[in-house]
């Protein structure tokens, strides 16, 4: 029996490390060193005493060692990554949220609306918040419109962001073909006789006309293409329909529309400008003698969601 006590004591000393958090191993080791041969019967529910009654405690020590190793290996005690700085607040008054700091309004928010601030402008005058109606986008509000909850991070701790500078990829019209020069006869060469010219038809002075014009879809979003259509007619024939455009963040330019059959003309436009605003398209029909129709305008709305 003494040999078994010595074997149990040596085993416990190898398994348990001094100072373990549970304190179980130190307690068992001290009891063995004092000569305790096991838990008395009925005192813990582990048996009737003797060396074999230490076996449940050995299991506890072994399980504590295994659990401690698992916690270290799994990384449970590794500090989590830093969370982004966010602030919750409430709108003190109804306000129009904009797509960029100080930009064009995109959505109306009511007083008392809860908002989550995720960024601020570089001058800290505007807050970027998640749109309560479309959480995938960020809209901007004046700092004075948001009542930040007590205990939330201060406004000046939020990250700085804003709208990127817009760029435009505009279509470049094809250059006009260079006319072939007419050879000039030399002094020693008589010009070839020219056939008689047929009588010129009466000059065409009637200007063509443009019918209904439209842009679809309207509004159009981000780099989504918009199709411009118009109907044009002339007493002789429409030679071309010219189109030009301008708008905030969009470089003004022009091009020619394509005839898609009969008197129908069409042009497809797109832009990479990351701004909100109206884009105005102006169309003019031209006949073979240069007569032009009065211009027709189509005003569209371009919306950008970053």
C-alpha atoms as a PDB file:
ATOM      1  CA  UNK A   1       0.000   0.000   0.000  1.00  0.00           C
ATOM      2  CA  UNK A   2       2.900   2.377   0.832  1.00  0.00           C
ATOM      3  CA  UNK A   3       4.350   1.736  -2.628  1.00  0.00           C
ATOM      4  CA  UNK A   4       1.011   2.701  -4.222  1.00  0.00           C
ATOM      5  CA  UNK A   5       0.889   5.946  -2.159  1.00  0.00           C
ATOM      6  CA  UNK A   6       4.386   6.819  -3.340  1.00  0.00           C
ATOM      7  CA  UNK A   7       3.425   6.098  -6.959  1.00  0.00           C
ATOM      8  CA  UNK A   8       0.302   8.307  -6.695  1.00  0.00           C
ATOM      9  CA  UNK A   9       2.309  11.115  -5.090  1.00  0.00           C
ATOM     10  CA  UNK A  10       4.966  11.045  -7.831  1.00  0.00           C
ATOM     11  CA  UNK A  11       2.313  10.969 -10.550  1.00  0.00           C
ATOM     12  CA  UNK A  12       0.479  13.959  -9.118  1.00  0.00           C
ATOM     13  CA  UNK A  13       3.707  15.925  -8.783  1.00  0.00           C
ATOM     14  CA  UNK A  14       4.509  15.309 -12.486  1.00  0.00           C
ATOM     15  CA  UNK A  15       0.987  16.173 -13.740  1.00  0.00           C
ATOM     16  CA  UNK A  16       0.265  19.247 -11.605  1.00  0.00           C
ATOM     17  CA  UNK A  17       2.251  22.475 -11.874  1.00  0.00           C
ATOM     18  CA  UNK A  18       2.501  24.652  -8.732  1.00  0.00           C
ATOM     19  CA  UNK A  19       0.193  27.672  -8.799  1.00  0.00           C
ATOM     20  CA  UNK A  20      -2.386  26.308 -11.251  1.00  0.00           C
ATOM     21  CA  UNK A  21      -5.496  28.560 -11.342  1.00  0.00           C
ATOM     22  CA  UNK A  22      -7.870  25.973  -9.887  1.00  0.00           C
ATOM     23  CA  UNK A  23      -5.566  25.197  -6.958  1.00  0.00           C
ATOM     24  CA  UNK A  24      -6.595  21.520  -7.146  1.00  0.00           C
ATOM     25  CA  UNK A  25      -3.108  20.151  -7.858  1.00  0.00           C
ATOM     26  CA  UNK A  26      -1.459  22.077  -4.982  1.00  0.00           C
ATOM     27  CA  UNK A  27      -4.169  20.967  -2.561  1.00  0.00           C
ATOM     28  CA  UNK A  28      -3.774  17.268  -3.493  1.00  0.00           C
ATOM     29  CA  UNK A  29       0.036  17.443  -3.352  1.00  0.00           C
ATOM     30  CA  UNK A  30      -0.052  19.031   0.157  1.00  0.00           C
ATOM     31  CA  UNK A  31      -2.466  16.359   1.398  1.00  0.00           C
ATOM     32  CA  UNK A  32      -0.242  13.545   0.109  1.00  0.00           C
ATOM     33  CA  UNK A  33       2.836  15.151   1.669  1.00  0.00           C
ATOM     34  CA  UNK A  34       0.985  15.231   5.028  1.00  0.00           C
ATOM     35  CA  UNK A  35       0.347  11.508   4.765  1.00  0.00           C
ATOM     36  CA  UNK A  36      -3.331  11.549   3.737  1.00  0.00           C
ATOM     37  CA  UNK A  37      -4.097   8.176   2.120  1.00  0.00           C
ATOM     38  CA  UNK A  38      -7.297   9.268   0.303  1.00  0.00           C
ATOM     39  CA  UNK A  39     -10.727  10.798   0.646  1.00  0.00           C
ATOM     40  CA  UNK A  40     -12.735   9.256   3.501  1.00  0.00           C
ATOM     41  CA  UNK A  41     -15.778   7.339   2.539  1.00  0.00           C
ATOM     42  CA  UNK A  42     -18.870   9.446   2.119  1.00  0.00           C
ATOM     43  CA  UNK A  43     -17.038  12.764   2.366  1.00  0.00           C
ATOM     44  CA  UNK A  44     -16.930  13.520  -1.375  1.00  0.00           C
ATOM     45  CA  UNK A  45     -18.795  10.786  -3.134  1.00  0.00           C
ATOM     46  CA  UNK A  46     -15.581   9.383  -4.686  1.00  0.00           C
ATOM     47  CA  UNK A  47     -15.425   6.121  -2.764  1.00  0.00           C
ATOM     48  CA  UNK A  48     -14.515   4.506   0.491  1.00  0.00           C
ATOM     49  CA  UNK A  49     -10.964   5.803   1.028  1.00  0.00           C
ATOM     50  CA  UNK A  50      -7.573   4.305   0.367  1.00  0.00           C
ATOM     51  CA  UNK A  51      -5.185   4.986  -2.518  1.00  0.00           C
ATOM     52  CA  UNK A  52      -7.800   4.227  -5.130  1.00  0.00           C
ATOM     53  CA  UNK A  53      -9.951   7.092  -3.804  1.00  0.00           C
ATOM     54  CA  UNK A  54      -7.317   9.561  -5.167  1.00  0.00           C
ATOM     55  CA  UNK A  55      -8.040   8.469  -8.760  1.00  0.00           C
ATOM     56  CA  UNK A  56     -10.977  10.922  -9.304  1.00  0.00           C
ATOM     57  CA  UNK A  57      -8.739  13.792  -8.124  1.00  0.00           C
ATOM     58  CA  UNK A  58      -6.001  12.667 -10.525  1.00  0.00           C
ATOM     59  CA  UNK A  59      -8.602  12.830 -13.307  1.00  0.00           C
ATOM     60  CA  UNK A  60      -9.462  16.390 -12.255  1.00  0.00           C
ATOM     61  CA  UNK A  61      -5.794  17.422 -12.381  1.00  0.00           C
ATOM     62  CA  UNK A  62      -5.236  15.774 -15.759  1.00  0.00           C
ATOM     63  CA  UNK A  63      -8.402  17.358 -17.207  1.00  0.00           C
ATOM     64  CA  UNK A  64      -7.321  20.792 -15.852  1.00  0.00           C
ATOM     65  CA  UNK A  65      -3.928  20.392 -17.571  1.00  0.00           C
ATOM     66  CA  UNK A  66      -5.547  19.338 -20.839  1.00  0.00           C
ATOM     67  CA  UNK A  67      -8.057  22.201 -20.690  1.00  0.00           C
ATOM     68  CA  UNK A  68      -5.283  24.709 -19.986  1.00  0.00           C
ATOM     69  CA  UNK A  69      -3.294  23.435 -22.976  1.00  0.00           C
ATOM     70  CA  UNK A  70      -6.360  23.670 -25.206  1.00  0.00           C
ATOM     71  CA  UNK A  71      -6.991  27.273 -24.201  1.00  0.00           C
ATOM     72  CA  UNK A  72      -3.403  28.235 -24.976  1.00  0.00           C
ATOM     73  CA  UNK A  73      -3.395  26.434 -28.338  1.00  0.00           C
ATOM     74  CA  UNK A  74      -6.747  27.794 -29.480  1.00  0.00           C
ATOM     75  CA  UNK A  75      -5.793  31.389 -28.889  1.00  0.00           C
ATOM     76  CA  UNK A  76      -8.844  32.152 -26.747  1.00  0.00           C
ATOM     77  CA  UNK A  77      -6.756  34.431 -24.544  1.00  0.00           C
ATOM     78  CA  UNK A  78      -5.277  36.377 -27.496  1.00  0.00           C
ATOM     79  CA  UNK A  79      -6.659  39.956 -27.406  1.00  0.00           C
ATOM     80  CA  UNK A  80      -9.170  40.611 -30.230  1.00  0.00           C
ATOM     81  CA  UNK A  81      -8.326  42.922 -33.108  1.00  0.00           C
ATOM     82  CA  UNK A  82      -9.121  46.611 -32.570  1.00  0.00           C
ATOM     83  CA  UNK A  83     -12.758  47.441 -33.413  1.00  0.00           C
ATOM     84  CA  UNK A  84     -13.518  50.389 -35.727  1.00  0.00           C
ATOM     85  CA  UNK A  85     -14.567  53.602 -33.991  1.00  0.00           C
ATOM     86  CA  UNK A  86     -18.366  54.114 -34.317  1.00  0.00           C
ATOM     87  CA  UNK A  87     -20.784  56.506 -32.614  1.00  0.00           C
ATOM     88  CA  UNK A  88     -24.541  56.150 -32.148  1.00  0.00           C
ATOM     89  CA  UNK A  89     -26.782  59.208 -32.066  1.00  0.00           C
ATOM     90  CA  UNK A  90     -30.227  60.688 -32.729  1.00  0.00           C
ATOM     91  CA  UNK A  91     -31.325  63.418 -35.144  1.00  0.00           C
ATOM     92  CA  UNK A  92     -32.442  66.546 -33.242  1.00  0.00           C
ATOM     93  CA  UNK A  93     -34.380  67.837 -36.268  1.00  0.00           C
ATOM     94  CA  UNK A  94     -35.500  66.700 -39.715  1.00  0.00           C
ATOM     95  CA  UNK A  95     -32.562  67.030 -42.119  1.00  0.00           C
ATOM     96  CA  UNK A  96     -31.641  66.351 -45.752  1.00  0.00           C
ATOM     97  CA  UNK A  97     -28.737  63.894 -46.018  1.00  0.00           C
ATOM     98  CA  UNK A  98     -26.281  64.489 -48.870  1.00  0.00           C
ATOM     99  CA  UNK A  99     -24.190  62.167 -50.999  1.00  0.00           C
ATOM    100  CA  UNK A 100     -20.946  64.027 -50.139  1.00  0.00           C
ATOM    101  CA  UNK A 101     -20.009  66.538 -47.407  1.00  0.00           C
ATOM    102  CA  UNK A 102     -21.952  69.695 -48.358  1.00  0.00           C
ATOM    103  CA  UNK A 103     -23.143  68.057 -51.618  1.00  0.00           C
ATOM    104  CA  UNK A 104     -26.504  67.420 -53.282  1.00  0.00           C
ATOM    105  CA  UNK A 105     -29.327  66.046 -51.082  1.00  0.00           C
ATOM    106  CA  UNK A 106     -30.214  62.381 -51.588  1.00  0.00           C
ATOM    107  CA  UNK A 107     -32.611  61.416 -48.766  1.00  0.00           C
ATOM    108  CA  UNK A 108     -34.855  63.112 -46.157  1.00  0.00           C
ATOM    109  CA  UNK A 109     -34.441  61.896 -42.553  1.00  0.00           C
ATOM    110  CA  UNK A 110     -36.978  62.643 -39.806  1.00  0.00           C
ATOM    111  CA  UNK A 111     -36.356  64.016 -36.347  1.00  0.00           C
ATOM    112  CA  UNK A 112     -35.634  61.261 -33.820  1.00  0.00           C
ATOM    113  CA  UNK A 113     -34.104  58.925 -36.433  1.00  0.00           C
ATOM    114  CA  UNK A 114     -31.325  56.763 -34.945  1.00  0.00           C
ATOM    115  CA  UNK A 115     -28.068  56.935 -36.927  1.00  0.00           C
ATOM    116  CA  UNK A 116     -24.654  55.251 -36.754  1.00  0.00           C
ATOM    117  CA  UNK A 117     -21.735  57.624 -37.438  1.00  0.00           C
ATOM    118  CA  UNK A 118     -18.810  55.866 -39.157  1.00  0.00           C
ATOM    119  CA  UNK A 119     -16.603  58.775 -40.331  1.00  0.00           C
ATOM    120  CA  UNK A 120     -16.201  62.560 -40.440  1.00  0.00           C
ATOM    121  CA  UNK A 121     -15.107  65.135 -43.001  1.00  0.00           C
ATOM    122  CA  UNK A 122     -11.551  66.508 -42.849  1.00  0.00           C
ATOM    123  CA  UNK A 123     -12.847  69.738 -41.252  1.00  0.00           C
ATOM    124  CA  UNK A 124     -15.126  67.785 -38.816  1.00  0.00           C
ATOM    125  CA  UNK A 125     -18.132  69.816 -40.059  1.00  0.00           C
ATOM    126  CA  UNK A 126     -19.994  66.760 -41.450  1.00  0.00           C
ATOM    127  CA  UNK A 127     -20.616  63.216 -40.223  1.00  0.00           C
ATOM    128  CA  UNK A 128     -20.757  60.176 -42.489  1.00  0.00           C
ATOM    129  CA  UNK A 129     -23.604  57.917 -41.267  1.00  0.00           C
ATOM    130  CA  UNK A 130     -25.149  54.688 -42.519  1.00  0.00           C
ATOM    131  CA  UNK A 131     -28.289  55.524 -44.497  1.00  0.00           C
ATOM    132  CA  UNK A 132     -31.164  54.160 -42.329  1.00  0.00           C
ATOM    133  CA  UNK A 133     -33.116  53.423 -45.537  1.00  0.00           C
ATOM    134  CA  UNK A 134     -30.182  51.824 -47.423  1.00  0.00           C
ATOM    135  CA  UNK A 135     -27.470  50.662 -44.995  1.00  0.00           C
ATOM    136  CA  UNK A 136     -25.068  49.713 -47.790  1.00  0.00           C
ATOM    137  CA  UNK A 137     -24.307  53.380 -48.477  1.00  0.00           C
ATOM    138  CA  UNK A 138     -22.965  56.282 -46.426  1.00  0.00           C
ATOM    139  CA  UNK A 139     -24.714  59.672 -46.424  1.00  0.00           C
ATOM    140  CA  UNK A 140     -23.535  62.926 -44.853  1.00  0.00           C
ATOM    141  CA  UNK A 141     -25.124  65.155 -42.210  1.00  0.00           C
ATOM    142  CA  UNK A 142     -24.011  68.398 -40.517  1.00  0.00           C
ATOM    143  CA  UNK A 143     -22.430  67.644 -37.135  1.00  0.00           C
ATOM    144  CA  UNK A 144     -24.980  69.964 -35.482  1.00  0.00           C
ATOM    145  CA  UNK A 145     -27.860  67.716 -36.650  1.00  0.00           C
ATOM    146  CA  UNK A 146     -26.699  64.635 -34.667  1.00  0.00           C
ATOM    147  CA  UNK A 147     -27.052  64.293 -30.880  1.00  0.00           C
ATOM    148  CA  UNK A 148     -24.365  61.721 -29.985  1.00  0.00           C
ATOM    149  CA  UNK A 149     -25.384  59.265 -27.231  1.00  0.00           C
ATOM    150  CA  UNK A 150     -23.752  59.627 -23.834  1.00  0.00           C
ATOM    151  CA  UNK A 151     -20.728  57.347 -23.505  1.00  0.00           C
ATOM    152  CA  UNK A 152     -20.153  57.084 -27.295  1.00  0.00           C
ATOM    153  CA  UNK A 153     -16.731  57.955 -28.834  1.00  0.00           C
ATOM    154  CA  UNK A 154     -16.158  61.658 -29.511  1.00  0.00           C
ATOM    155  CA  UNK A 155     -16.661  62.973 -33.057  1.00  0.00           C
ATOM    156  CA  UNK A 156     -12.986  63.847 -33.470  1.00  0.00           C
ATOM    157  CA  UNK A 157     -12.026  60.181 -32.897  1.00  0.00           C
ATOM    158  CA  UNK A 158     -13.895  58.978 -36.000  1.00  0.00           C
ATOM    159  CA  UNK A 159     -11.837  58.249 -39.140  1.00  0.00           C
ATOM    160  CA  UNK A 160     -11.674  60.980 -41.810  1.00  0.00           C
ATOM    161  CA  UNK A 161     -13.224  60.250 -45.215  1.00  0.00           C
ATOM    162  CA  UNK A 162     -15.137  61.972 -48.021  1.00  0.00           C
ATOM    163  CA  UNK A 163     -16.033  61.684 -51.690  1.00  0.00           C
ATOM    164  CA  UNK A 164     -13.269  60.867 -54.221  1.00  0.00           C
ATOM    165  CA  UNK A 165     -12.412  63.370 -56.942  1.00  0.00           C
ATOM    166  CA  UNK A 166     -14.547  62.441 -59.992  1.00  0.00           C
ATOM    167  CA  UNK A 167     -13.010  61.432 -63.261  1.00  0.00           C
ATOM    168  CA  UNK A 168     -14.663  61.188 -66.667  1.00  0.00           C
ATOM    169  CA  UNK A 169     -14.163  58.863 -69.566  1.00  0.00           C
ATOM    170  CA  UNK A 170     -15.775  60.793 -72.425  1.00  0.00           C
ATOM    171  CA  UNK A 171     -16.216  59.493 -75.941  1.00  0.00           C
ATOM    172  CA  UNK A 172     -14.029  61.272 -78.479  1.00  0.00           C
ATOM    173  CA  UNK A 173     -15.681  61.936 -81.871  1.00  0.00           C
ATOM    174  CA  UNK A 174     -13.908  60.374 -84.843  1.00  0.00           C
ATOM    175  CA  UNK A 175     -11.846  62.932 -86.780  1.00  0.00           C
ATOM    176  CA  UNK A 176     -13.339  64.137 -90.036  1.00  0.00           C
ATOM    177  CA  UNK A 177     -11.691  62.642 -93.143  1.00  0.00           C
ATOM    178  CA  UNK A 178      -9.168  64.867 -94.922  1.00  0.00           C
ATOM    179  CA  UNK A 179     -10.393  65.802 -98.420  1.00  0.00           C
ATOM    180  CA  UNK A 180      -8.201  64.769-101.348  1.00  0.00           C
ATOM    181  CA  UNK A 181      -6.692  67.877-102.957  1.00  0.00           C
ATOM    182  CA  UNK A 182      -7.555  68.579-106.611  1.00  0.00           C
ATOM    183  CA  UNK A 183      -4.409  68.551-108.808  1.00  0.00           C
ATOM    184  CA  UNK A 184      -3.551  71.943-110.323  1.00  0.00           C
ATOM    185  CA  UNK A 185      -2.752  71.875-114.054  1.00  0.00           C
ATOM    186  CA  UNK A 186       0.753  73.024-114.982  1.00  0.00           C
ATOM    187  CA  UNK A 187       1.422  75.963-117.329  1.00  0.00           C
ATOM    188  CA  UNK A 188       2.380  73.648-120.159  1.00  0.00           C
ATOM    189  CA  UNK A 189      -0.614  71.383-119.724  1.00  0.00           C
ATOM    190  CA  UNK A 190      -4.025  72.520-120.863  1.00  0.00           C
ATOM    191  CA  UNK A 191      -6.857  71.606-118.525  1.00  0.00           C
ATOM    192  CA  UNK A 192      -9.017  68.742-119.653  1.00  0.00           C
ATOM    193  CA  UNK A 193     -12.402  69.816-121.006  1.00  0.00           C
ATOM    194  CA  UNK A 194     -15.138  69.537-118.396  1.00  0.00           C
ATOM    195  CA  UNK A 195     -18.589  68.172-119.234  1.00  0.00           C
ATOM    196  CA  UNK A 196     -21.399  70.678-118.977  1.00  0.00           C
ATOM    197  CA  UNK A 197     -22.794  70.965-115.464  1.00  0.00           C
ATOM    198  CA  UNK A 198     -26.426  69.975-114.983  1.00  0.00           C
ATOM    199  CA  UNK A 199     -28.710  72.727-113.766  1.00  0.00           C
ATOM    200  CA  UNK A 200     -28.637  73.095-109.974  1.00  0.00           C
ATOM    201  CA  UNK A 201     -31.819  72.206-108.157  1.00  0.00           C
ATOM    202  CA  UNK A 202     -33.516  74.952-106.213  1.00  0.00           C
ATOM    203  CA  UNK A 203     -31.754  75.611-102.910  1.00  0.00           C
ATOM    204  CA  UNK A 204     -33.283  73.755 -99.908  1.00  0.00           C
ATOM    205  CA  UNK A 205     -34.129  76.263 -97.194  1.00  0.00           C
ATOM    206  CA  UNK A 206     -36.456  74.114 -95.100  1.00  0.00           C
ATOM    207  CA  UNK A 207     -34.963  73.141 -91.750  1.00  0.00           C
ATOM    208  CA  UNK A 208     -35.516  69.629 -90.371  1.00  0.00           C
ATOM    209  CA  UNK A 209     -37.540  69.135 -87.201  1.00  0.00           C
ATOM    210  CA  UNK A 210     -37.011  67.071 -84.036  1.00  0.00           C
ATOM    211  CA  UNK A 211     -39.909  65.266 -82.417  1.00  0.00           C
ATOM    212  CA  UNK A 212     -40.123  63.728 -78.956  1.00  0.00           C
ATOM    213  CA  UNK A 213     -36.766  63.086 -77.229  1.00  0.00           C
ATOM    214  CA  UNK A 214     -36.081  61.149 -74.025  1.00  0.00           C
ATOM    215  CA  UNK A 215     -33.421  59.439 -71.885  1.00  0.00           C
ATOM    216  CA  UNK A 216     -33.840  55.983 -70.321  1.00  0.00           C
ATOM    217  CA  UNK A 217     -33.350  55.205 -67.465  1.00  0.00           C
ATOM    218  CA  UNK A 218     -33.802  58.500 -65.694  1.00  0.00           C
ATOM    219  CA  UNK A 219     -32.313  58.841 -63.152  1.00  0.00           C
ATOM    220  CA  UNK A 220     -29.235  56.705 -63.938  1.00  0.00           C
ATOM    221  CA  UNK A 221     -26.766  55.467 -61.324  1.00  0.00           C
ATOM    222  CA  UNK A 222     -22.941  55.346 -61.144  1.00  0.00           C
ATOM    223  CA  UNK A 223     -21.543  54.167 -64.529  1.00  0.00           C
ATOM    224  CA  UNK A 224     -24.910  52.784 -65.691  1.00  0.00           C
ATOM    225  CA  UNK A 225     -25.498  53.588 -69.410  1.00  0.00           C
ATOM    226  CA  UNK A 226     -28.415  55.829 -70.385  1.00  0.00           C
ATOM    227  CA  UNK A 227     -29.989  55.628 -73.883  1.00  0.00           C
ATOM    228  CA  UNK A 228     -31.002  58.931 -75.524  1.00  0.00           C
ATOM    229  CA  UNK A 229     -33.602  58.703 -78.319  1.00  0.00           C
ATOM    230  CA  UNK A 230     -35.186  61.263 -80.671  1.00  0.00           C
ATOM    231  CA  UNK A 231     -37.282  61.301 -83.844  1.00  0.00           C
ATOM    232  CA  UNK A 232     -36.204  63.606 -86.709  1.00  0.00           C
ATOM    233  CA  UNK A 233     -37.756  64.465 -90.097  1.00  0.00           C
ATOM    234  CA  UNK A 234     -36.995  66.709 -93.091  1.00  0.00           C
ATOM    235  CA  UNK A 235     -38.619  67.532 -96.463  1.00  0.00           C
ATOM    236  CA  UNK A 236     -35.547  66.096 -98.268  1.00  0.00           C
ATOM    237  CA  UNK A 237     -33.790  63.976 -95.677  1.00  0.00           C
ATOM    238  CA  UNK A 238     -32.033  64.193 -92.308  1.00  0.00           C
ATOM    239  CA  UNK A 239     -28.271  63.962 -92.710  1.00  0.00           C
ATOM    240  CA  UNK A 240     -27.376  63.753 -88.998  1.00  0.00           C
ATOM    241  CA  UNK A 241     -28.588  64.369 -85.460  1.00  0.00           C
ATOM    242  CA  UNK A 242     -25.943  65.974 -83.234  1.00  0.00           C
ATOM    243  CA  UNK A 243     -25.938  65.580 -79.434  1.00  0.00           C
ATOM    244  CA  UNK A 244     -24.002  67.432 -76.718  1.00  0.00           C
ATOM    245  CA  UNK A 245     -24.082  67.255 -72.900  1.00  0.00           C
ATOM    246  CA  UNK A 246     -22.969  69.058 -69.749  1.00  0.00           C
ATOM    247  CA  UNK A 247     -23.432  68.702 -66.009  1.00  0.00           C
ATOM    248  CA  UNK A 248     -21.668  68.864 -62.594  1.00  0.00           C
ATOM    249  CA  UNK A 249     -18.528  66.717 -62.616  1.00  0.00           C
ATOM    250  CA  UNK A 250     -19.189  65.717 -66.258  1.00  0.00           C
ATOM    251  CA  UNK A 251     -16.852  67.113 -68.927  1.00  0.00           C
ATOM    252  CA  UNK A 252     -18.931  68.851 -71.623  1.00  0.00           C
ATOM    253  CA  UNK A 253     -18.611  67.173 -75.007  1.00  0.00           C
ATOM    254  CA  UNK A 254     -20.581  66.218 -78.129  1.00  0.00           C
ATOM    255  CA  UNK A 255     -21.065  63.421 -80.638  1.00  0.00           C
ATOM    256  CA  UNK A 256     -23.442  62.165 -83.371  1.00  0.00           C
ATOM    257  CA  UNK A 257     -26.483  59.996 -82.764  1.00  0.00           C
ATOM    258  CA  UNK A 258     -27.023  56.752 -84.695  1.00  0.00           C
ATOM    259  CA  UNK A 259     -29.964  56.163 -87.050  1.00  0.00           C
ATOM    260  CA  UNK A 260     -31.685  52.973 -85.862  1.00  0.00           C
ATOM    261  CA  UNK A 261     -34.335  52.842 -88.572  1.00  0.00           C
ATOM    262  CA  UNK A 262     -36.748  55.276 -90.223  1.00  0.00           C
ATOM    263  CA  UNK A 263     -36.737  58.619 -88.456  1.00  0.00           C
ATOM    264  CA  UNK A 264     -35.486  57.199 -85.125  1.00  0.00           C
ATOM    265  CA  UNK A 265     -32.061  58.219 -83.777  1.00  0.00           C
ATOM    266  CA  UNK A 266     -30.261  56.892 -80.693  1.00  0.00           C
ATOM    267  CA  UNK A 267     -27.145  57.498 -78.559  1.00  0.00           C
ATOM    268  CA  UNK A 268     -25.828  55.560 -75.511  1.00  0.00           C
ATOM    269  CA  UNK A 269     -24.032  57.611 -72.839  1.00  0.00           C
ATOM    270  CA  UNK A 270     -22.239  56.644 -69.604  1.00  0.00           C
ATOM    271  CA  UNK A 271     -19.922  58.408 -67.169  1.00  0.00           C
ATOM    272  CA  UNK A 272     -17.571  57.478 -64.333  1.00  0.00           C
ATOM    273  CA  UNK A 273     -18.115  60.814 -62.578  1.00  0.00           C
ATOM    274  CA  UNK A 274     -18.700  60.081 -58.874  1.00  0.00           C
ATOM    275  CA  UNK A 275     -21.097  62.969 -58.234  1.00  0.00           C
ATOM    276  CA  UNK A 276     -24.794  63.682 -57.927  1.00  0.00           C
ATOM    277  CA  UNK A 277     -26.488  66.192 -60.234  1.00  0.00           C
ATOM    278  CA  UNK A 278     -28.398  66.909 -63.434  1.00  0.00           C
ATOM    279  CA  UNK A 279     -26.931  66.167 -66.854  1.00  0.00           C
ATOM    280  CA  UNK A 280     -28.495  68.085 -69.767  1.00  0.00           C
ATOM    281  CA  UNK A 281     -28.423  66.588 -73.270  1.00  0.00           C
ATOM    282  CA  UNK A 282     -29.060  68.891 -76.290  1.00  0.00           C
ATOM    283  CA  UNK A 283     -30.007  67.438 -79.714  1.00  0.00           C
ATOM    284  CA  UNK A 284     -30.058  69.214 -83.130  1.00  0.00           C
ATOM    285  CA  UNK A 285     -31.081  67.678 -86.524  1.00  0.00           C
ATOM    286  CA  UNK A 286     -29.139  68.713 -89.688  1.00  0.00           C
ATOM    287  CA  UNK A 287     -30.115  68.156 -93.349  1.00  0.00           C
ATOM    288  CA  UNK A 288     -27.888  67.818 -96.425  1.00  0.00           C
ATOM    289  CA  UNK A 289     -27.682  71.595 -97.091  1.00  0.00           C
ATOM    290  CA  UNK A 290     -26.774  72.481 -93.514  1.00  0.00           C
ATOM    291  CA  UNK A 291     -30.196  73.564 -92.305  1.00  0.00           C
ATOM    292  CA  UNK A 292     -30.579  72.892 -88.560  1.00  0.00           C
ATOM    293  CA  UNK A 293     -33.624  72.221 -86.439  1.00  0.00           C
ATOM    294  CA  UNK A 294     -34.287  74.105 -83.204  1.00  0.00           C
ATOM    295  CA  UNK A 295     -32.475  72.365 -80.315  1.00  0.00           C
ATOM    296  CA  UNK A 296     -34.312  69.948 -78.030  1.00  0.00           C
ATOM    297  CA  UNK A 297     -33.115  69.405 -74.437  1.00  0.00           C
ATOM    298  CA  UNK A 298     -33.445  66.317 -72.237  1.00  0.00           C
ATOM    299  CA  UNK A 299     -32.585  66.831 -68.542  1.00  0.00           C
ATOM    300  CA  UNK A 300     -31.587  63.709 -66.597  1.00  0.00           C
ATOM    301  CA  UNK A 301     -30.430  62.981 -63.039  1.00  0.00           C
ATOM    302  CA  UNK A 302     -27.163  61.169 -62.311  1.00  0.00           C
ATOM    303  CA  UNK A 303     -26.906  59.526 -58.853  1.00  0.00           C
ATOM    304  CA  UNK A 304     -23.706  58.054 -57.401  1.00  0.00           C
ATOM    305  CA  UNK A 305     -23.518  55.509 -54.578  1.00  0.00           C
ATOM    306  CA  UNK A 306     -20.018  54.628 -53.456  1.00  0.00           C
END
